Amino acid sequence: GDWGDKKMCNGLIEKDAWTAADICTYLWGAHAGHSLDFLAALLCYTLFYADGSWLTEAKEWQVGWVSRIVLFNLACEVIICNFWHYFIYVSSVYEALLANGMKYNPTNQYEPATGKAGMFTSETGNLEREITFTTLGWLQSAMWQCVFTHLWACGVLPVYTDFWAYPVYSIFFLWLIAYWREVHFYCAHRGMHPWWDRENGLLDGDLGAFLYRHVHSLHHKSYNPGPWSGLCMHPVEHLLYYSCATLPPLVLCLHPLHFLYTKFHCDIAPLGGHDGMDEPGGKGDFHYLHHAKFECNYGVPFPINLDLLFGTWADWETYKATGELSVSDWAKTQMHEPEETDEKRAPLLQGSQGASEEWSLEEVAKHTSREDCFIVFYGQVINVTEFVGKHPGGEAIMLANAGKDATAKFERSEESSGGFDLVSKWCPGAVVGTVSNWQGPKPPSASVTGKYPGVLFLFPLFVAVAAAARAM
C-alpha cells in the first residue's frame, strides 16, 4: 500500500494512529507551509541585521532606522495581502473556485449583490474595516520589532548575532517556532472566548466573555472571512496575539532571526487560514467553522489538537456531510449564529417574522397612545411603544407623530445624528407590517461604507513612512 498510510504510532490525543504521512507533516510539512513567513524574516534580517551596523545605530531612537523597519513591514502587507486578496477574490480564479464549491460560504462578503469584489472598497464595508485593522496589526508588529532591536542594541536584553556559533541551539529553536506558535495561539485565542457562558461578565469571573464582548468580537465580525480578515483585530487582541513573538526574548537569549520568524509567522500565516477557500486556497476549513459557529475549533490541530482534548473540536467533513457539530454539550449550548451587525447589508427595518401584513394609514392612526404607539417610516409600520420613554427628545416628540407617517420629519431631524441607522439600533424587530400602496421612499440600507478608512489609511501611511525613510 501507500507508504503514507502505514501506521507508525498511537496519536497523542486522536483515536486514530499516526501514519507515516502524519509524521512527515509534523516534522517537515508544517514548516514548509510557512516558507513565505521564513523568507520574509530572512530578507528582513539580511537588510537590517546581517552587517551588524544595527548594534550601533539602534542604540538611539532615530527616525531613519525606525522608518525603514516600518516601511519594510508595510511593504510586506501591501504586497502579500493585496496579492492574495486579488488572486482569491478579484481575479477570474474566484469564479472558478465558487463554481467548484471551493468557497465555504458561497455568499460574497464584500459584494453580496454582484458577487464581484474590488481591491480596496466594498458595498458592505467589510473590506475597509479589515484593511484598517490589519494595518494597525502590522504597525504594532513593526513597533515590537523596533522595540526589541533597540533593547538588544542597548544590552538590556541578551542576544547573539552569529547564528552558526551555536548551530544546534539555533536550528532547534528555529524548528520549534512552528509548534510554539500554534500552542500559544490556542491559549491566547481560547482566553478571549467565554470561559463558562457567553452571557457572563467580569463580575461573574468570566474574563473570556468580557474580552470577547469588548475586544475579540471585532475579529468575529468577519464571520464570512477573507484574506484581510486574519489580522483584523482590536489592538488589545494584537497585543495578546503578538506576545508569541515578544515573550521568548524576555527570558531567552535568542538570535534576531528567531524573533523575526515568529513575528512574520504571526503576520502572514493568518491569510491562508482566513481566506474562506478550500484548496488551492488556504484550506482553513476548521477555522472557517470557528468563524461561522464561534465556540469551536479555537486552535489548530497541530502539534496537539487541544480542541479535541477539551471537547470543542468540530470536524469540517462531518459537519459538511451531516450538519452536526461533533463537540461537547457545553460547546453546543454556546454556539450561535452571527448577529445582524453592520457587516450584513440588509434592510434595516426587516422584521424578525417577515412583517408581511399590510396596513392602511387609517388603521395606523388608531395607535396613538403611550401604551400603544405606532409610527410609519418609509412605508413600514413600526411599533415604537417600548421606545417612547427612551427617545432622547422626550415622549412628547414621539406622541406628536404617533399614528402618522413620520418619514419626512425623521429625515430632517435625525440625519446629523445617525440617520436611519438609529431605527435599527433602538427598535430592532419592531416592524409589524407595511403600508398598503405605499408611494413614498423605500427604506435605505445600512450606511456601512465609509465607516473605516481602509486603503485611505494604509496608502498615505505607506507614502509618509517611505518619505521619512528616504529623507534619512
Protein backbone atom coordinates (compact mmCIF):
# COMPACT_ATOMS: atom_id res chain seq x y z
CA GLY A 1 0.00 0.00 0.00
CA ASP A 2 0.90 3.67 0.04
CA TRP A 3 3.79 4.36 2.43
CA GLY A 4 1.89 7.37 3.78
CA ASP A 5 -0.89 5.12 5.10
CA LYS A 6 1.46 2.99 7.17
CA LYS A 7 0.57 3.30 10.86
CA MET A 8 3.59 4.34 12.89
CA CYS A 9 2.39 5.05 16.45
CA ASN A 10 -0.64 5.96 18.54
CA GLY A 11 -1.82 9.56 18.36
CA LEU A 12 -1.28 11.79 21.37
CA ILE A 13 -4.99 12.59 21.67
CA GLU A 14 -6.54 11.38 18.43
CA LYS A 15 -8.18 7.95 18.37
CA ASP A 16 -6.56 7.13 15.04
CA ALA A 17 -2.92 6.14 14.91
CA TRP A 18 -0.41 8.47 13.33
CA THR A 19 0.60 7.40 9.85
CA ALA A 20 3.92 7.98 8.14
CA ALA A 21 2.28 10.89 6.27
CA ASP A 22 1.18 12.46 9.57
CA ILE A 23 4.68 12.28 10.99
CA CYS A 24 6.14 13.69 7.78
CA THR A 25 3.72 16.60 8.02
CA TYR A 26 4.58 17.25 11.67
CA LEU A 27 8.32 17.08 11.14
CA TRP A 28 8.63 18.84 7.79
CA GLY A 29 5.37 19.77 6.09
CA ALA A 30 4.22 22.09 8.88
CA HIS A 31 7.39 24.11 8.38
CA ALA A 32 7.38 24.03 4.58
CA GLY A 33 3.90 25.51 4.62
CA HIS A 34 5.32 28.63 6.25
CA SER A 35 8.18 29.13 3.79
CA LEU A 36 6.89 32.60 2.86
CA ASP A 37 6.91 33.64 6.52
CA PHE A 38 10.51 32.46 6.87
CA LEU A 39 11.62 34.11 3.62
CA ALA A 40 10.16 37.43 4.77
CA ALA A 41 12.03 37.06 8.07
CA LEU A 42 15.25 36.11 6.28
CA LEU A 43 15.00 39.06 3.90
CA CYS A 44 14.34 41.41 6.82
CA TYR A 45 17.34 40.02 8.67
CA THR A 46 19.55 40.40 5.60
CA LEU A 47 18.51 44.02 5.05
CA PHE A 48 18.64 45.29 8.61
CA TYR A 49 20.75 42.99 10.79
CA ALA A 50 23.28 40.96 8.82
CA ASP A 51 26.04 43.60 8.64
CA GLY A 52 25.86 44.32 12.38
CA SER A 53 25.51 48.10 11.99
CA TRP A 54 22.20 48.00 13.85
CA LEU A 55 24.07 47.28 17.09
CA THR A 56 25.37 50.84 16.98
CA GLU A 57 22.62 52.64 15.09
CA ALA A 58 19.72 51.29 17.13
CA LYS A 59 21.18 52.33 20.49
CA GLU A 60 19.33 55.60 19.99
CA TRP A 61 15.83 56.12 18.71
CA GLN A 62 16.17 57.68 15.27
CA VAL A 63 13.63 58.30 12.55
CA GLY A 64 15.93 56.72 9.96
CA TRP A 65 16.24 53.12 11.13
CA VAL A 66 12.76 53.07 12.67
CA SER A 67 11.08 54.29 9.45
CA ARG A 68 12.98 51.74 7.37
CA ILE A 69 11.74 48.87 9.54
CA VAL A 70 8.17 50.18 9.48
CA LEU A 71 8.38 50.66 5.71
CA PHE A 72 9.54 47.07 5.20
CA ASN A 73 6.63 45.77 7.25
CA LEU A 74 4.07 47.90 5.43
CA ALA A 75 5.55 46.84 2.10
CA CYS A 76 5.08 43.20 3.09
CA GLU A 77 1.46 43.94 3.99
CA VAL A 78 0.73 45.80 0.76
CA ILE A 79 2.34 43.17 -1.47
CA ILE A 80 1.31 39.93 0.24
CA CYS A 81 -2.21 40.80 1.43
CA ASN A 82 -3.19 42.55 -1.78
CA PHE A 83 -1.82 39.74 -3.93
CA TRP A 84 -3.72 37.04 -2.06
CA HIS A 85 -6.93 39.09 -1.99
CA TYR A 86 -6.62 39.77 -5.73
CA PHE A 87 -5.84 36.15 -6.57
CA ILE A 88 -8.60 34.62 -4.45
CA TYR A 89 -11.39 37.23 -4.69
CA VAL A 90 -10.82 39.65 -7.58
CA SER A 91 -9.27 37.63 -10.40
CA SER A 92 -11.07 35.02 -12.51
CA VAL A 93 -9.85 32.39 -10.06
CA TYR A 94 -12.66 33.46 -7.69
CA GLU A 95 -15.39 32.45 -10.10
CA ALA A 96 -13.70 29.12 -10.76
CA LEU A 97 -13.40 28.40 -7.05
CA LEU A 98 -17.01 29.41 -6.48
CA ALA A 99 -18.27 27.30 -9.36
CA ASN A 100 -16.45 24.26 -8.00
CA GLY A 101 -17.80 24.68 -4.48
CA MET A 102 -14.43 25.68 -3.03
CA LYS A 103 -15.76 28.70 -1.11
CA TYR A 104 -17.02 27.57 2.27
CA ASN A 105 -19.67 30.31 2.37
CA PRO A 106 -20.82 30.99 -1.21
CA THR A 107 -22.06 34.49 -0.35
CA ASN A 108 -19.57 37.17 -1.33
CA GLN A 109 -18.89 39.02 1.91
CA TYR A 110 -17.73 42.16 0.09
CA GLU A 111 -20.22 42.48 -2.76
CA PRO A 112 -23.21 40.22 -2.00
CA ALA A 113 -25.34 41.80 -4.72
CA THR A 114 -22.96 41.42 -7.66
CA GLY A 115 -20.54 38.81 -6.34
CA LYS A 116 -17.61 40.74 -7.79
CA ALA A 117 -15.24 42.06 -5.13
CA GLY A 118 -13.00 45.06 -5.65
CA MET A 119 -9.47 45.60 -4.41
CA PHE A 120 -9.98 48.35 -1.86
CA THR A 121 -13.66 49.14 -1.30
CA SER A 122 -16.79 47.09 -0.71
CA GLU A 123 -20.54 47.60 -0.60
CA THR A 124 -20.72 46.03 2.86
CA GLY A 125 -17.80 47.96 4.35
CA ASN A 126 -16.15 44.67 5.36
CA LEU A 127 -13.06 45.22 3.25
CA GLU A 128 -12.44 48.73 4.58
CA ARG A 129 -12.74 47.51 8.17
CA GLU A 130 -10.41 44.57 7.56
CA ILE A 131 -7.77 46.67 5.80
CA THR A 132 -7.86 49.28 8.57
CA PHE A 133 -7.35 46.90 11.49
CA THR A 134 -4.93 44.67 9.59
CA THR A 135 -2.78 47.74 9.01
CA LEU A 136 -2.92 48.52 12.73
CA GLY A 137 -1.72 44.96 13.32
CA TRP A 138 1.27 45.32 11.00
CA LEU A 139 2.10 48.64 12.64
CA GLN A 140 2.09 47.07 16.10
CA SER A 141 4.21 44.22 14.77
CA ALA A 142 6.72 46.71 13.35
CA MET A 143 6.68 48.60 16.65
CA TRP A 144 7.66 45.46 18.55
CA GLN A 145 10.46 44.83 16.08
CA CYS A 146 11.79 48.34 16.70
CA VAL A 147 11.46 47.97 20.48
CA PHE A 148 13.40 44.71 20.65
CA THR A 149 16.02 45.90 18.18
CA HIS A 150 16.64 48.89 20.46
CA LEU A 151 16.71 46.79 23.65
CA TRP A 152 19.19 44.33 22.11
CA ALA A 153 21.41 47.12 20.84
CA CYS A 154 21.43 48.76 24.29
CA GLY A 155 22.29 45.48 26.01
CA VAL A 156 19.08 45.48 28.04
CA LEU A 157 18.13 42.04 26.70
CA PRO A 158 20.53 39.24 25.75
CA VAL A 159 21.03 38.46 22.06
CA TYR A 160 23.64 36.70 19.95
CA THR A 161 24.44 37.71 16.37
CA ASP A 162 26.36 34.72 14.98
CA PHE A 163 23.68 32.17 14.12
CA TRP A 164 26.19 29.42 13.34
CA ALA A 165 28.18 29.90 16.54
CA TYR A 166 25.58 27.66 18.20
CA PRO A 167 24.21 25.59 15.30
CA VAL A 168 22.23 23.01 17.28
CA TYR A 169 20.68 25.60 19.57
CA SER A 170 19.94 27.96 16.68
CA ILE A 171 18.34 25.36 14.41
CA PHE A 172 16.41 23.70 17.24
CA PHE A 173 14.73 26.94 18.32
CA LEU A 174 14.02 27.86 14.71
CA TRP A 175 12.37 24.46 14.21
CA LEU A 176 10.44 24.85 17.48
CA ILE A 177 8.78 28.11 16.45
CA ALA A 178 6.02 26.48 14.39
CA TYR A 179 4.92 24.38 17.38
CA TRP A 180 5.19 27.23 19.87
CA ARG A 181 3.15 29.47 17.59
CA GLU A 182 0.16 27.13 17.47
CA VAL A 183 0.14 26.28 21.18
CA HIS A 184 0.39 29.96 22.06
CA PHE A 185 -2.36 30.82 19.58
CA TYR A 186 -4.73 28.32 21.15
CA CYS A 187 -4.11 29.69 24.65
CA ALA A 188 -4.40 33.36 23.68
CA HIS A 189 -7.41 32.78 21.46
CA ARG A 190 -9.26 30.49 23.86
CA GLY A 191 -8.75 33.04 26.62
CA MET A 192 -10.73 35.62 24.63
CA HIS A 193 -13.81 33.40 24.35
CA PRO A 194 -16.26 32.70 27.18
CA TRP A 195 -14.76 30.54 29.90
CA TRP A 196 -18.17 29.44 31.21
CA ASP A 197 -21.01 31.28 29.48
CA ARG A 198 -21.17 33.91 26.75
CA GLU A 199 -23.67 35.96 28.78
CA ASN A 200 -21.23 36.36 31.69
CA GLY A 201 -19.17 39.42 32.56
CA LEU A 202 -16.28 40.41 34.80
CA LEU A 203 -18.42 40.25 37.92
CA ASP A 204 -19.02 36.58 37.11
CA GLY A 205 -15.27 36.00 36.95
CA ASP A 206 -15.51 35.29 33.23
CA LEU A 207 -12.67 37.34 31.77
CA GLY A 208 -13.02 35.47 28.49
CA ALA A 209 -16.64 36.56 27.99
CA PHE A 210 -15.64 40.14 28.82
CA LEU A 211 -12.73 40.11 26.36
CA TYR A 212 -14.87 38.58 23.66
CA ARG A 213 -17.57 41.21 24.07
CA HIS A 214 -15.23 44.20 24.12
CA VAL A 215 -12.18 43.02 22.14
CA HIS A 216 -12.37 39.77 20.18
CA SER A 217 -15.87 40.36 18.78
CA LEU A 218 -14.31 42.82 16.32
CA HIS A 219 -12.43 39.93 14.70
CA HIS A 220 -15.62 37.87 14.57
CA LYS A 221 -17.43 40.49 12.53
CA SER A 222 -15.73 38.62 9.69
CA TYR A 223 -17.93 35.57 10.18
CA ASN A 224 -17.53 35.01 6.43
CA PRO A 225 -13.78 35.66 6.33
CA GLY A 226 -11.39 36.64 3.58
CA PRO A 227 -7.59 37.16 3.38
CA TRP A 228 -7.71 40.58 5.06
CA SER A 229 -9.67 39.10 7.99
CA GLY A 230 -6.73 37.28 9.57
CA LEU A 231 -5.15 40.29 11.30
CA CYS A 232 -8.35 42.31 11.53
CA MET A 233 -8.26 42.54 15.32
CA HIS A 234 -8.74 45.02 18.11
CA PRO A 235 -5.34 46.50 19.17
CA VAL A 236 -5.68 44.78 22.55
CA GLU A 237 -6.02 41.45 20.75
CA HIS A 238 -2.96 42.33 18.65
CA LEU A 239 -1.09 42.83 21.93
CA LEU A 240 -2.02 39.33 23.12
CA TYR A 241 -1.53 37.77 19.70
CA TYR A 242 1.98 39.15 19.19
CA SER A 243 3.08 38.11 22.67
CA CYS A 244 4.01 34.90 20.88
CA ALA A 245 6.97 36.85 19.49
CA THR A 246 7.56 39.24 22.39
CA LEU A 247 7.61 36.83 25.35
CA PRO A 248 10.51 34.46 24.39
CA PRO A 249 13.17 37.23 24.03
CA LEU A 250 12.35 38.39 27.56
CA VAL A 251 13.51 35.09 29.08
CA LEU A 252 15.82 33.53 26.47
CA CYS A 253 18.95 34.57 24.64
CA LEU A 254 17.89 34.35 21.00
CA HIS A 255 19.16 35.31 17.58
CA PRO A 256 17.24 38.11 15.81
CA LEU A 257 16.14 35.59 13.18
CA HIS A 258 14.22 33.64 15.83
CA PHE A 259 12.22 36.74 16.73
CA LEU A 260 11.71 37.76 13.10
CA TYR A 261 10.49 34.34 12.01
CA THR A 262 8.00 34.22 14.88
CA LYS A 263 6.82 37.75 14.13
CA PHE A 264 6.36 37.23 10.40
CA HIS A 265 4.72 33.89 11.09
CA CYS A 266 2.15 35.88 13.10
CA ASP A 267 1.87 38.49 10.34
CA ILE A 268 1.47 36.26 7.30
CA ALA A 269 0.09 32.87 8.39
CA PRO A 270 -3.46 34.14 9.09
CA LEU A 271 -4.03 34.96 5.40
CA GLY A 272 -4.41 31.35 4.31
CA GLY A 273 -6.34 30.32 7.39
CA HIS A 274 -8.92 33.05 6.86
CA ASP A 275 -9.32 33.19 3.08
CA GLY A 276 -12.53 31.14 3.26
CA MET A 277 -11.45 28.78 0.49
CA ASP A 278 -10.66 25.13 0.09
CA GLU A 279 -7.57 24.16 -1.91
CA PRO A 280 -5.93 25.79 -3.84
CA GLY A 281 -6.80 28.39 -1.25
CA GLY A 282 -5.67 28.17 2.34
CA LYS A 283 -7.97 25.23 3.21
CA GLY A 284 -8.60 26.55 6.70
CA ASP A 285 -11.90 24.68 6.92
CA PHE A 286 -11.69 24.11 10.67
CA HIS A 287 -11.09 27.80 11.33
CA TYR A 288 -13.84 28.85 8.95
CA LEU A 289 -16.17 26.72 11.07
CA HIS A 290 -14.95 28.64 14.13
CA HIS A 291 -15.87 31.94 12.48
CA ALA A 292 -19.26 30.59 11.42
CA LYS A 293 -20.19 28.94 14.76
CA PHE A 294 -17.92 30.79 17.24
CA GLU A 295 -17.46 28.30 20.10
CA CYS A 296 -15.49 25.51 18.45
CA ASN A 297 -12.08 24.98 16.87
CA TYR A 298 -10.25 27.64 18.86
CA GLY A 299 -6.87 26.36 17.76
CA VAL A 300 -5.05 24.44 15.05
CA PRO A 301 -4.98 20.61 15.20
CA PHE A 302 -1.19 20.77 15.35
CA PRO A 303 1.04 19.85 17.10
CA ILE A 304 -1.62 18.77 19.62
CA ASN A 305 -5.34 19.01 18.95
CA LEU A 306 -6.24 20.80 22.18
CA ASP A 307 -9.78 21.33 20.94
CA LEU A 308 -10.24 17.58 20.74
CA LEU A 309 -8.89 17.26 24.27
CA PHE A 310 -11.35 19.82 25.67
CA GLY A 311 -14.39 18.82 23.63
CA THR A 312 -14.50 21.78 21.26
CA TRP A 313 -13.22 20.13 18.07
CA ALA A 314 -15.74 20.18 15.21
CA ASP A 315 -14.69 18.18 12.17
CA TRP A 316 -15.44 20.04 8.95
CA GLU A 317 -16.08 16.96 6.83
CA THR A 318 -18.54 15.62 9.39
CA TYR A 319 -20.32 18.96 9.58
CA LYS A 320 -20.48 19.28 5.80
CA ALA A 321 -21.92 15.78 5.43
CA THR A 322 -24.36 15.74 8.34
CA GLY A 323 -24.76 19.31 9.60
CA GLU A 324 -23.79 18.05 13.05
CA LEU A 325 -21.09 19.60 15.23
CA SER A 326 -19.05 16.91 16.97
CA VAL A 327 -18.44 18.95 20.13
CA SER A 328 -19.28 18.67 23.81
CA ASP A 329 -22.69 19.59 25.22
CA TRP A 330 -21.23 22.77 26.73
CA ALA A 331 -19.91 23.90 23.36
CA LYS A 332 -23.26 23.21 21.73
CA THR A 333 -25.05 25.43 24.26
CA GLN A 334 -22.65 28.28 23.47
CA MET A 335 -22.94 28.07 19.67
CA HIS A 336 -24.74 30.91 17.98
CA GLU A 337 -25.30 32.41 14.58
CA PRO A 338 -23.70 35.74 13.60
CA GLU A 339 -25.55 38.73 14.96
CA GLU A 340 -27.18 41.08 12.48
CA THR A 341 -24.44 43.70 12.66
CA ASP A 342 -23.19 46.34 10.28
CA GLU A 343 -21.30 43.95 8.07
CA LYS A 344 -24.57 42.46 6.88
CA ARG A 345 -26.00 44.84 4.36
CA ALA A 346 -29.68 44.03 4.86
CA PRO A 347 -32.72 46.32 5.00
CA LEU A 348 -32.64 47.88 8.44
CA LEU A 349 -36.34 47.52 9.12
CA GLN A 350 -36.72 43.88 8.28
CA GLY A 351 -38.93 42.31 10.94
CA SER A 352 -37.92 39.03 12.53
CA GLN A 353 -41.17 37.41 11.48
CA GLY A 354 -41.36 38.73 7.97
CA ALA A 355 -43.87 41.51 8.80
CA SER A 356 -45.86 40.82 5.66
CA GLU A 357 -49.20 42.22 6.96
CA GLU A 358 -50.47 45.28 5.10
CA TRP A 359 -51.91 48.27 6.95
CA SER A 360 -53.82 51.31 5.81
CA LEU A 361 -52.82 54.71 7.18
CA GLU A 362 -56.26 54.90 8.79
CA GLU A 363 -55.54 51.72 10.76
CA VAL A 364 -52.16 53.02 11.88
CA ALA A 365 -53.83 56.23 13.07
CA LYS A 366 -55.68 54.26 15.76
CA HIS A 367 -52.41 53.55 17.65
CA THR A 368 -51.56 56.89 19.22
CA SER A 369 -51.33 56.32 22.96
CA ARG A 370 -48.34 55.95 25.27
CA GLU A 371 -49.25 52.28 25.73
CA ASP A 372 -49.92 51.59 22.04
CA CYS A 373 -47.82 53.73 19.74
CA PHE A 374 -47.22 53.06 16.03
CA ILE A 375 -45.33 55.22 13.53
CA VAL A 376 -44.77 54.88 9.78
CA PHE A 377 -41.21 55.12 8.44
CA TYR A 378 -40.54 54.58 4.74
CA GLY A 379 -43.78 52.68 4.28
CA GLN A 380 -43.12 50.29 7.14
CA VAL A 381 -45.30 50.24 10.23
CA ILE A 382 -43.18 50.34 13.39
CA ASN A 383 -44.39 49.54 16.88
CA VAL A 384 -42.38 52.05 18.96
CA THR A 385 -44.30 51.57 22.21
CA GLU A 386 -41.22 50.32 24.06
CA PHE A 387 -39.13 53.23 22.74
CA VAL A 388 -41.44 56.12 23.57
CA GLY A 389 -39.93 56.67 27.02
CA LYS A 390 -36.38 56.21 25.74
CA HIS A 391 -36.37 58.83 22.98
CA PRO A 392 -33.63 61.43 23.71
CA GLY A 393 -36.05 64.23 22.83
CA GLY A 394 -38.73 63.04 25.22
CA GLU A 395 -42.10 61.36 24.93
CA ALA A 396 -43.81 64.45 23.50
CA ILE A 397 -41.94 64.18 20.21
CA MET A 398 -42.87 60.54 19.76
CA LEU A 399 -46.52 61.02 20.71
CA ALA A 400 -46.84 64.05 18.42
CA ASN A 401 -46.03 61.76 15.49
CA ALA A 402 -47.93 58.71 16.75
CA GLY A 403 -50.19 57.10 14.15
CA LYS A 404 -48.66 59.21 11.36
CA ASP A 405 -46.16 58.97 8.54
CA ALA A 406 -43.07 60.49 10.18
CA THR A 407 -40.62 59.79 7.35
CA ALA A 408 -40.00 63.39 6.29
CA LYS A 409 -39.69 64.72 9.85
CA PHE A 410 -37.36 61.89 10.78
CA GLU A 411 -35.06 62.53 7.82
CA ARG A 412 -34.77 66.24 8.69
CA SER A 413 -34.20 65.85 12.44
CA GLU A 414 -32.10 62.71 12.66
CA GLU A 415 -29.80 62.93 9.64
CA SER A 416 -26.98 64.61 11.58
CA SER A 417 -27.07 62.11 14.47
CA GLY A 418 -27.02 58.86 12.59
CA GLY A 419 -29.96 58.93 10.22
CA PHE A 420 -31.98 55.84 9.56
CA ASP A 421 -29.35 53.61 11.21
CA LEU A 422 -30.78 54.75 14.56
CA VAL A 423 -34.04 52.92 13.91
CA SER A 424 -32.37 49.52 13.67
CA LYS A 425 -30.35 50.29 16.78
CA TRP A 426 -33.21 51.31 19.05
CA CYS A 427 -36.16 49.42 17.56
CA PRO A 428 -34.87 46.07 16.33
CA GLY A 429 -37.56 43.69 15.15
CA ALA A 430 -40.30 46.29 15.67
CA VAL A 431 -41.80 46.09 12.17
CA VAL A 432 -45.40 44.90 12.29
CA GLY A 433 -46.25 45.37 8.64
CA THR A 434 -46.16 47.65 5.61
CA VAL A 435 -48.44 50.43 4.39
CA SER A 436 -50.62 49.27 1.54
CA ASN A 437 -49.99 51.01 -1.79
CA TRP A 438 -47.05 52.94 -0.37
CA GLN A 439 -45.77 55.54 -2.87
CA GLY A 440 -43.07 57.16 -0.73
CA PRO A 441 -39.31 56.48 -0.48
CA LYS A 442 -38.07 52.96 0.21
CA PRO A 443 -36.10 52.14 3.38
CA PRO A 444 -32.38 52.85 2.92
CA SER A 445 -29.82 50.16 3.62
CA ALA A 446 -27.26 50.29 6.37
CA SER A 447 -24.70 53.04 5.79
CA VAL A 448 -21.61 50.96 6.40
CA THR A 449 -19.36 52.17 3.60
CA GLY A 450 -17.03 54.91 4.76
CA LYS A 451 -17.13 53.85 8.38
CA TYR A 452 -13.48 52.75 8.26
CA PRO A 453 -10.77 54.42 6.16
CA GLY A 454 -9.25 51.22 4.79
CA VAL A 455 -6.88 51.99 1.95
CA LEU A 456 -7.24 55.72 2.66
CA PHE A 457 -5.36 54.94 5.87
CA LEU A 458 -2.90 52.37 4.51
CA PHE A 459 -1.57 54.08 1.39
CA PRO A 460 -0.98 57.60 2.81
CA LEU A 461 0.72 55.95 5.78
CA PHE A 462 2.91 53.92 3.45
CA VAL A 463 3.88 57.03 1.44
CA ALA A 464 4.63 59.03 4.59
CA VAL A 465 6.86 56.32 6.06
CA ALA A 466 8.62 55.84 2.72
CA ALA A 467 9.30 59.58 2.54
CA ALA A 468 10.70 59.57 6.07
CA ALA A 469 12.95 56.59 5.31
CA ARG A 470 14.23 58.20 2.11
CA ALA A 471 14.89 61.55 3.81
CA MET A 472 17.07 59.90 6.44
